[in-house]
Amino acid sequence: MNYLLAVIILVYIAMMVLVGYIAWKRTSSNEDYLVAGRKTSSIVMALSYGATFISTAAIVGFGGLAGTNGLGILW
């Protein structure tokens, strides 16, 4: 079981390195990195912003709210 887990982790790391390398080769300027070369649609940008905001609110905001008011806020 430990051998299989090690193989899965190594394959995952190798895939992440490959994705990073491909993205690095495609990025030629700061604009490419920061705003995807201005080639993405407004829908993708809105979804990205929404996912970032929801993630931040869920981790920081709701954690503090649950600590203050108890876990009853989930209902």
PDB file of N, CA and C in Angstrom:
ATOM      1  N   MET A   1       0.818  -1.195   0.000  1.00  0.00           N
ATOM      2  CA  MET A   1       0.000   0.000   0.000  1.00  0.00           C
ATOM      3  C   MET A   1       0.860   1.256   0.000  1.00  0.00           C
ATOM      4  N   ASN A   2       1.924   1.266   0.763  1.00  0.00           N
ATOM      5  CA  ASN A   2       2.800   2.434   0.798  1.00  0.00           C
ATOM      6  C   ASN A   2       3.487   2.663  -0.540  1.00  0.00           C
ATOM      7  N   TYR A   3       3.803   1.561  -1.252  1.00  0.00           N
ATOM      8  CA  TYR A   3       4.432   1.681  -2.562  1.00  0.00           C
ATOM      9  C   TYR A   3       3.472   2.356  -3.541  1.00  0.00           C
ATOM     10  N   LEU A   4       2.214   1.934  -3.533  1.00  0.00           N
ATOM     11  CA  LEU A   4       1.216   2.526  -4.421  1.00  0.00           C
ATOM     12  C   LEU A   4       1.014   4.009  -4.109  1.00  0.00           C
ATOM     13  N   LEU A   5       0.964   4.344  -2.850  1.00  0.00           N
ATOM     14  CA  LEU A   5       0.810   5.743  -2.454  1.00  0.00           C
ATOM     15  C   LEU A   5       1.993   6.585  -2.924  1.00  0.00           C
ATOM     16  N   ALA A   6       3.200   6.058  -2.798  1.00  0.00           N
ATOM     17  CA  ALA A   6       4.392   6.780  -3.252  1.00  0.00           C
ATOM     18  C   ALA A   6       4.359   6.987  -4.760  1.00  0.00           C
ATOM     19  N   VAL A   7       3.920   5.983  -5.506  1.00  0.00           N
ATOM     20  CA  VAL A   7       3.838   6.104  -6.966  1.00  0.00           C
ATOM     21  C   VAL A   7       2.804   7.160  -7.347  1.00  0.00           C
ATOM     22  N   ILE A   8       1.660   7.147  -6.687  1.00  0.00           N
ATOM     23  CA  ILE A   8       0.620   8.135  -6.982  1.00  0.00           C
ATOM     24  C   ILE A   8       1.126   9.549  -6.704  1.00  0.00           C
ATOM     25  N   ILE A   9       1.807   9.734  -5.597  1.00  0.00           N
ATOM     26  CA  ILE A   9       2.333  11.055  -5.252  1.00  0.00           C
ATOM     27  C   ILE A   9       3.391  11.497  -6.254  1.00  0.00           C
ATOM     28  N   LEU A  10       4.271  10.598  -6.653  1.00  0.00           N
ATOM     29  CA  LEU A  10       5.310  10.947  -7.630  1.00  0.00           C
ATOM     30  C   LEU A  10       4.713  11.283  -8.990  1.00  0.00           C
ATOM     31  N   VAL A  11       3.698  10.544  -9.416  1.00  0.00           N
ATOM     32  CA  VAL A  11       3.037  10.844 -10.689  1.00  0.00           C
ATOM     33  C   VAL A  11       2.359  12.210 -10.613  1.00  0.00           C
ATOM     34  N   TYR A  12       1.716  12.503  -9.491  1.00  0.00           N
ATOM     35  CA  TYR A  12       1.068  13.806  -9.312  1.00  0.00           C
ATOM     36  C   TYR A  12       2.095  14.936  -9.373  1.00  0.00           C
ATOM     37  N   ILE A  13       3.207  14.776  -8.678  1.00  0.00           N
ATOM     38  CA  ILE A  13       4.250  15.808  -8.691  1.00  0.00           C
ATOM     39  C   ILE A  13       4.805  15.989 -10.096  1.00  0.00           C
ATOM     40  N   ALA A  14       5.030  14.884 -10.810  1.00  0.00           N
ATOM     41  CA  ALA A  14       5.544  14.968 -12.179  1.00  0.00           C
ATOM     42  C   ALA A  14       4.561  15.697 -13.087  1.00  0.00           C
ATOM     43  N   MET A  15       3.271  15.433 -12.923  1.00  0.00           N
ATOM     44  CA  MET A  15       2.278  16.116 -13.753  1.00  0.00           C
ATOM     45  C   MET A  15       2.233  17.607 -13.436  1.00  0.00           C
ATOM     46  N   MET A  16       2.358  17.978 -12.165  1.00  0.00           N
ATOM     47  CA  MET A  16       2.354  19.390 -11.795  1.00  0.00           C
ATOM     48  C   MET A  16       3.589  20.107 -12.343  1.00  0.00           C
ATOM     49  N   VAL A  17       4.729  19.438 -12.321  1.00  0.00           N
ATOM     50  CA  VAL A  17       5.942  20.021 -12.896  1.00  0.00           C
ATOM     51  C   VAL A  17       5.768  20.201 -14.399  1.00  0.00           C
ATOM     52  N   LEU A  18       5.164  19.225 -15.072  1.00  0.00           N
ATOM     53  CA  LEU A  18       4.933  19.323 -16.509  1.00  0.00           C
ATOM     54  C   LEU A  18       3.985  20.477 -16.839  1.00  0.00           C
ATOM     55  N   VAL A  19       2.902  20.600 -16.104  1.00  0.00           N
ATOM     56  CA  VAL A  19       1.959  21.704 -16.328  1.00  0.00           C
ATOM     57  C   VAL A  19       2.648  23.044 -16.083  1.00  0.00           C
ATOM     58  N   GLY A  20       3.444  23.130 -15.031  1.00  0.00           N
ATOM     59  CA  GLY A  20       4.181  24.359 -14.745  1.00  0.00           C
ATOM     60  C   GLY A  20       5.167  24.710 -15.841  1.00  0.00           C
ATOM     61  N   TYR A  21       5.850  23.708 -16.371  1.00  0.00           N
ATOM     62  CA  TYR A  21       6.820  23.948 -17.442  1.00  0.00           C
ATOM     63  C   TYR A  21       6.120  24.440 -18.708  1.00  0.00           C
ATOM     64  N   ILE A  22       5.010  23.803 -19.064  1.00  0.00           N
ATOM     65  CA  ILE A  22       4.269  24.224 -20.257  1.00  0.00           C
ATOM     66  C   ILE A  22       3.755  25.655 -20.090  1.00  0.00           C
ATOM     67  N   ALA A  23       3.228  25.970 -18.920  1.00  0.00           N
ATOM     68  CA  ALA A  23       2.741  27.331 -18.672  1.00  0.00           C
ATOM     69  C   ALA A  23       3.885  28.333 -18.703  1.00  0.00           C
ATOM     70  N   TRP A  24       5.037  27.950 -18.172  1.00  0.00           N
ATOM     71  CA  TRP A  24       6.205  28.842 -18.180  1.00  0.00           C
ATOM     72  C   TRP A  24       6.653  29.134 -19.607  1.00  0.00           C
ATOM     73  N   LYS A  25       6.630  28.124 -20.475  1.00  0.00           N
ATOM     74  CA  LYS A  25       7.054  28.333 -21.859  1.00  0.00           C
ATOM     75  C   LYS A  25       6.076  29.227 -22.621  1.00  0.00           C
ATOM     76  N   ARG A  26       4.801  29.178 -22.268  1.00  0.00           N
ATOM     77  CA  ARG A  26       3.794  29.982 -22.963  1.00  0.00           C
ATOM     78  C   ARG A  26       3.727  31.419 -22.462  1.00  0.00           C
ATOM     79  N   THR A  27       4.311  31.696 -21.314  1.00  0.00           N
ATOM     80  CA  THR A  27       4.259  33.030 -20.724  1.00  0.00           C
ATOM     81  C   THR A  27       5.485  33.821 -21.140  1.00  0.00           C
ATOM     82  N   SER A  28       5.246  34.959 -21.808  1.00  0.00           N
ATOM     83  CA  SER A  28       6.386  35.751 -22.268  1.00  0.00           C
ATOM     84  C   SER A  28       6.447  37.136 -21.627  1.00  0.00           C
ATOM     85  N   SER A  29       5.381  37.552 -20.960  1.00  0.00           N
ATOM     86  CA  SER A  29       5.381  38.874 -20.330  1.00  0.00           C
ATOM     87  C   SER A  29       4.575  38.827 -19.038  1.00  0.00           C
ATOM     88  N   ASN A  30       4.656  39.918 -18.290  1.00  0.00           N
ATOM     89  CA  ASN A  30       3.854  40.016 -17.071  1.00  0.00           C
ATOM     90  C   ASN A  30       2.362  40.003 -17.384  1.00  0.00           C
ATOM     91  N   GLU A  31       1.994  40.590 -18.498  1.00  0.00           N
ATOM     92  CA  GLU A  31       0.585  40.616 -18.887  1.00  0.00           C
ATOM     93  C   GLU A  31       0.066  39.207 -19.155  1.00  0.00           C
ATOM     94  N   ASP A  32       0.884  38.377 -19.783  1.00  0.00           N
ATOM     95  CA  ASP A  32       0.485  36.987 -19.997  1.00  0.00           C
ATOM     96  C   ASP A  32       0.216  36.285 -18.674  1.00  0.00           C
ATOM     97  N   TYR A  33       1.040  36.548 -17.698  1.00  0.00           N
ATOM     98  CA  TYR A  33       0.894  35.891 -16.399  1.00  0.00           C
ATOM     99  C   TYR A  33      -0.285  36.443 -15.600  1.00  0.00           C
ATOM    100  N   LEU A  34      -0.402  37.759 -15.536  1.00  0.00           N
ATOM    101  CA  LEU A  34      -1.394  38.372 -14.656  1.00  0.00           C
ATOM    102  C   LEU A  34      -2.817  38.315 -15.196  1.00  0.00           C
ATOM    103  N   VAL A  35      -2.999  38.525 -16.476  1.00  0.00           N
ATOM    104  CA  VAL A  35      -4.346  38.550 -17.050  1.00  0.00           C
ATOM    105  C   VAL A  35      -4.476  37.611 -18.244  1.00  0.00           C
ATOM    106  N   ALA A  36      -3.682  36.574 -18.276  1.00  0.00           N
ATOM    107  CA  ALA A  36      -3.746  35.539 -19.314  1.00  0.00           C
ATOM    108  C   ALA A  36      -3.639  36.128 -20.717  1.00  0.00           C
ATOM    109  N   GLY A  37      -2.814  37.143 -20.858  1.00  0.00           N
ATOM    110  CA  GLY A  37      -2.604  37.746 -22.165  1.00  0.00           C
ATOM    111  C   GLY A  37      -3.839  38.415 -22.736  1.00  0.00           C
ATOM    112  N   ARG A  38      -4.800  38.713 -21.883  1.00  0.00           N
ATOM    113  CA  ARG A  38      -6.075  39.319 -22.278  1.00  0.00           C
ATOM    114  C   ARG A  38      -6.794  38.486 -23.335  1.00  0.00           C
ATOM    115  N   LYS A  39      -6.660  37.172 -23.244  1.00  0.00           N
ATOM    116  CA  LYS A  39      -7.281  36.280 -24.216  1.00  0.00           C
ATOM    117  C   LYS A  39      -8.441  35.482 -23.635  1.00  0.00           C
ATOM    118  N   THR A  40      -8.773  35.674 -22.365  1.00  0.00           N
ATOM    119  CA  THR A  40      -9.875  34.926 -21.773  1.00  0.00           C
ATOM    120  C   THR A  40     -11.171  35.719 -21.875  1.00  0.00           C
ATOM    121  N   SER A  41     -12.261  34.990 -21.867  1.00  0.00           N
ATOM    122  CA  SER A  41     -13.564  35.655 -21.975  1.00  0.00           C
ATOM    123  C   SER A  41     -13.960  36.258 -20.634  1.00  0.00           C
ATOM    124  N   SER A  42     -14.928  37.135 -20.688  1.00  0.00           N
ATOM    125  CA  SER A  42     -15.384  37.781 -19.455  1.00  0.00           C
ATOM    126  C   SER A  42     -16.058  36.780 -18.521  1.00  0.00           C
ATOM    127  N   ILE A  43     -16.655  35.735 -19.070  1.00  0.00           N
ATOM    128  CA  ILE A  43     -17.291  34.712 -18.236  1.00  0.00           C
ATOM    129  C   ILE A  43     -16.244  33.974 -17.414  1.00  0.00           C
ATOM    130  N   VAL A  44     -15.139  33.601 -18.039  1.00  0.00           N
ATOM    131  CA  VAL A  44     -14.071  32.902 -17.324  1.00  0.00           C
ATOM    132  C   VAL A  44     -13.471  33.803 -16.255  1.00  0.00           C
ATOM    133  N   MET A  45     -13.276  35.070 -16.568  1.00  0.00           N
ATOM    134  CA  MET A  45     -12.738  36.004 -15.580  1.00  0.00           C
ATOM    135  C   MET A  45     -13.705  36.183 -14.408  1.00  0.00           C
ATOM    136  N   ALA A  46     -14.995  36.266 -14.676  1.00  0.00           N
ATOM    137  CA  ALA A  46     -15.984  36.416 -13.607  1.00  0.00           C
ATOM    138  C   ALA A  46     -16.029  35.171 -12.731  1.00  0.00           C
ATOM    139  N   LEU A  47     -15.968  33.992 -13.327  1.00  0.00           N
ATOM    140  CA  LEU A  47     -15.955  32.756 -12.549  1.00  0.00           C
ATOM    141  C   LEU A  47     -14.694  32.648 -11.706  1.00  0.00           C
ATOM    142  N   SER A  48     -13.576  33.071 -12.258  1.00  0.00           N
ATOM    143  CA  SER A  48     -12.327  33.050 -11.498  1.00  0.00           C
ATOM    144  C   SER A  48     -12.397  33.995 -10.307  1.00  0.00           C
ATOM    145  N   TYR A  49     -12.919  35.178 -10.523  1.00  0.00           N
ATOM    146  CA  TYR A  49     -13.072  36.139  -9.427  1.00  0.00           C
ATOM    147  C   TYR A  49     -14.032  35.607  -8.371  1.00  0.00           C
ATOM    148  N   GLY A  50     -15.133  35.042  -8.817  1.00  0.00           N
ATOM    149  CA  GLY A  50     -16.110  34.490  -7.885  1.00  0.00           C
ATOM    150  C   GLY A  50     -15.536  33.353  -7.060  1.00  0.00           C
ATOM    151  N   ALA A  51     -14.788  32.464  -7.688  1.00  0.00           N
ATOM    152  CA  ALA A  51     -14.177  31.355  -6.959  1.00  0.00           C
ATOM    153  C   ALA A  51     -13.161  31.859  -5.949  1.00  0.00           C
ATOM    154  N   THR A  52     -12.417  32.879  -6.301  1.00  0.00           N
ATOM    155  CA  THR A  52     -11.448  33.450  -5.370  1.00  0.00           C
ATOM    156  C   THR A  52     -12.150  34.088  -4.182  1.00  0.00           C
ATOM    157  N   PHE A  53     -13.197  34.836  -4.436  1.00  0.00           N
ATOM    158  CA  PHE A  53     -13.925  35.504  -3.356  1.00  0.00           C
ATOM    159  C   PHE A  53     -14.607  34.495  -2.441  1.00  0.00           C
ATOM    160  N   ILE A  54     -15.275  33.504  -3.019  1.00  0.00           N
ATOM    161  CA  ILE A  54     -15.981  32.506  -2.213  1.00  0.00           C
ATOM    162  C   ILE A  54     -14.997  31.716  -1.374  1.00  0.00           C
ATOM    163  N   SER A  55     -13.860  31.376  -1.927  1.00  0.00           N
ATOM    164  CA  SER A  55     -12.857  30.630  -1.174  1.00  0.00           C
ATOM    165  C   SER A  55     -12.363  31.441   0.015  1.00  0.00           C
ATOM    166  N   THR A  56     -12.085  32.705  -0.204  1.00  0.00           N
ATOM    167  CA  THR A  56     -11.610  33.562   0.880  1.00  0.00           C
ATOM    168  C   THR A  56     -12.676  33.722   1.955  1.00  0.00           C
ATOM    169  N   ALA A  57     -13.901  33.950   1.541  1.00  0.00           N
ATOM    170  CA  ALA A  57     -14.979  34.121   2.512  1.00  0.00           C
ATOM    171  C   ALA A  57     -15.208  32.845   3.304  1.00  0.00           C
ATOM    172  N   ALA A  58     -15.141  31.716   2.640  1.00  0.00           N
ATOM    173  CA  ALA A  58     -15.402  30.448   3.325  1.00  0.00           C
ATOM    174  C   ALA A  58     -14.312  30.125   4.339  1.00  0.00           C
ATOM    175  N   ILE A  59     -13.078  30.382   4.002  1.00  0.00           N
ATOM    176  CA  ILE A  59     -11.984  30.007   4.897  1.00  0.00           C
ATOM    177  C   ILE A  59     -11.818  31.020   6.021  1.00  0.00           C
ATOM    178  N   VAL A  60     -11.784  32.295   5.699  1.00  0.00           N
ATOM    179  CA  VAL A  60     -11.511  33.314   6.707  1.00  0.00           C
ATOM    180  C   VAL A  60     -12.788  33.776   7.401  1.00  0.00           C
ATOM    181  N   GLY A  61     -13.752  34.200   6.630  1.00  0.00           N
ATOM    182  CA  GLY A  61     -14.949  34.797   7.202  1.00  0.00           C
ATOM    183  C   GLY A  61     -15.820  33.827   7.967  1.00  0.00           C
ATOM    184  N   PHE A  62     -16.164  32.704   7.361  1.00  0.00           N
ATOM    185  CA  PHE A  62     -17.066  31.770   8.018  1.00  0.00           C
ATOM    186  C   PHE A  62     -16.402  31.066   9.184  1.00  0.00           C
ATOM    187  N   GLY A  63     -15.105  30.879   9.118  1.00  0.00           N
ATOM    188  CA  GLY A  63     -14.393  30.291  10.258  1.00  0.00           C
ATOM    189  C   GLY A  63     -14.472  31.181  11.483  1.00  0.00           C
ATOM    190  N   GLY A  64     -14.261  32.467  11.287  1.00  0.00           N
ATOM    191  CA  GLY A  64     -14.367  33.410  12.396  1.00  0.00           C
ATOM    192  C   GLY A  64     -15.793  33.543  12.896  1.00  0.00           C
ATOM    193  N   LEU A  65     -16.737  33.526  11.980  1.00  0.00           N
ATOM    194  CA  LEU A  65     -18.143  33.614  12.363  1.00  0.00           C
ATOM    195  C   LEU A  65     -18.568  32.391  13.167  1.00  0.00           C
ATOM    196  N   ALA A  66     -18.125  31.217  12.754  1.00  0.00           N
ATOM    197  CA  ALA A  66     -18.445  29.995  13.497  1.00  0.00           C
ATOM    198  C   ALA A  66     -17.766  29.998  14.856  1.00  0.00           C
ATOM    199  N   GLY A  67     -16.579  30.543  14.939  1.00  0.00           N
ATOM    200  CA  GLY A  67     -15.901  30.628  16.225  1.00  0.00           C
ATOM    201  C   GLY A  67     -16.598  31.572  17.183  1.00  0.00           C
ATOM    202  N   THR A  68     -17.177  32.622  16.641  1.00  0.00           N
ATOM    203  CA  THR A  68     -17.876  33.598  17.477  1.00  0.00           C
ATOM    204  C   THR A  68     -19.272  33.124  17.874  1.00  0.00           C
ATOM    205  N   ASN A  69     -20.014  32.595  16.907  1.00  0.00           N
ATOM    206  CA  ASN A  69     -21.423  32.270  17.128  1.00  0.00           C
ATOM    207  C   ASN A  69     -21.703  30.779  17.289  1.00  0.00           C
ATOM    208  N   GLY A  70     -20.718  29.939  17.100  1.00  0.00           N
ATOM    209  CA  GLY A  70     -20.942  28.500  17.172  1.00  0.00           C
ATOM    210  C   GLY A  70     -21.298  27.927  15.812  1.00  0.00           C
ATOM    211  N   LEU A  71     -21.264  26.610  15.712  1.00  0.00           N
ATOM    212  CA  LEU A  71     -21.512  25.967  14.424  1.00  0.00           C
ATOM    213  C   LEU A  71     -22.983  25.961  14.025  1.00  0.00           C
ATOM    214  N   GLY A  72     -23.843  26.493  14.875  1.00  0.00           N
ATOM    215  CA  GLY A  72     -25.253  26.594  14.525  1.00  0.00           C
ATOM    216  C   GLY A  72     -25.509  27.491  13.331  1.00  0.00           C
ATOM    217  N   ILE A  73     -24.554  28.324  12.957  1.00  0.00           N
ATOM    218  CA  ILE A  73     -24.734  29.210  11.802  1.00  0.00           C
ATOM    219  C   ILE A  73     -24.805  28.432  10.499  1.00  0.00           C
ATOM    220  N   LEU A  74     -24.351  27.190  10.497  1.00  0.00           N
ATOM    221  CA  LEU A  74     -24.393  26.395   9.277  1.00  0.00           C
ATOM    222  C   LEU A  74     -25.820  26.040   8.886  1.00  0.00           C
ATOM    223  N   TRP A  75     -26.728  26.035   9.852  1.00  0.00           N
ATOM    224  CA  TRP A  75     -28.114  25.683   9.565  1.00  0.00           C
ATOM    225  C   TRP A  75     -28.860  26.942   9.301  1.00  0.00           C
TER     226      TRP A  75
END
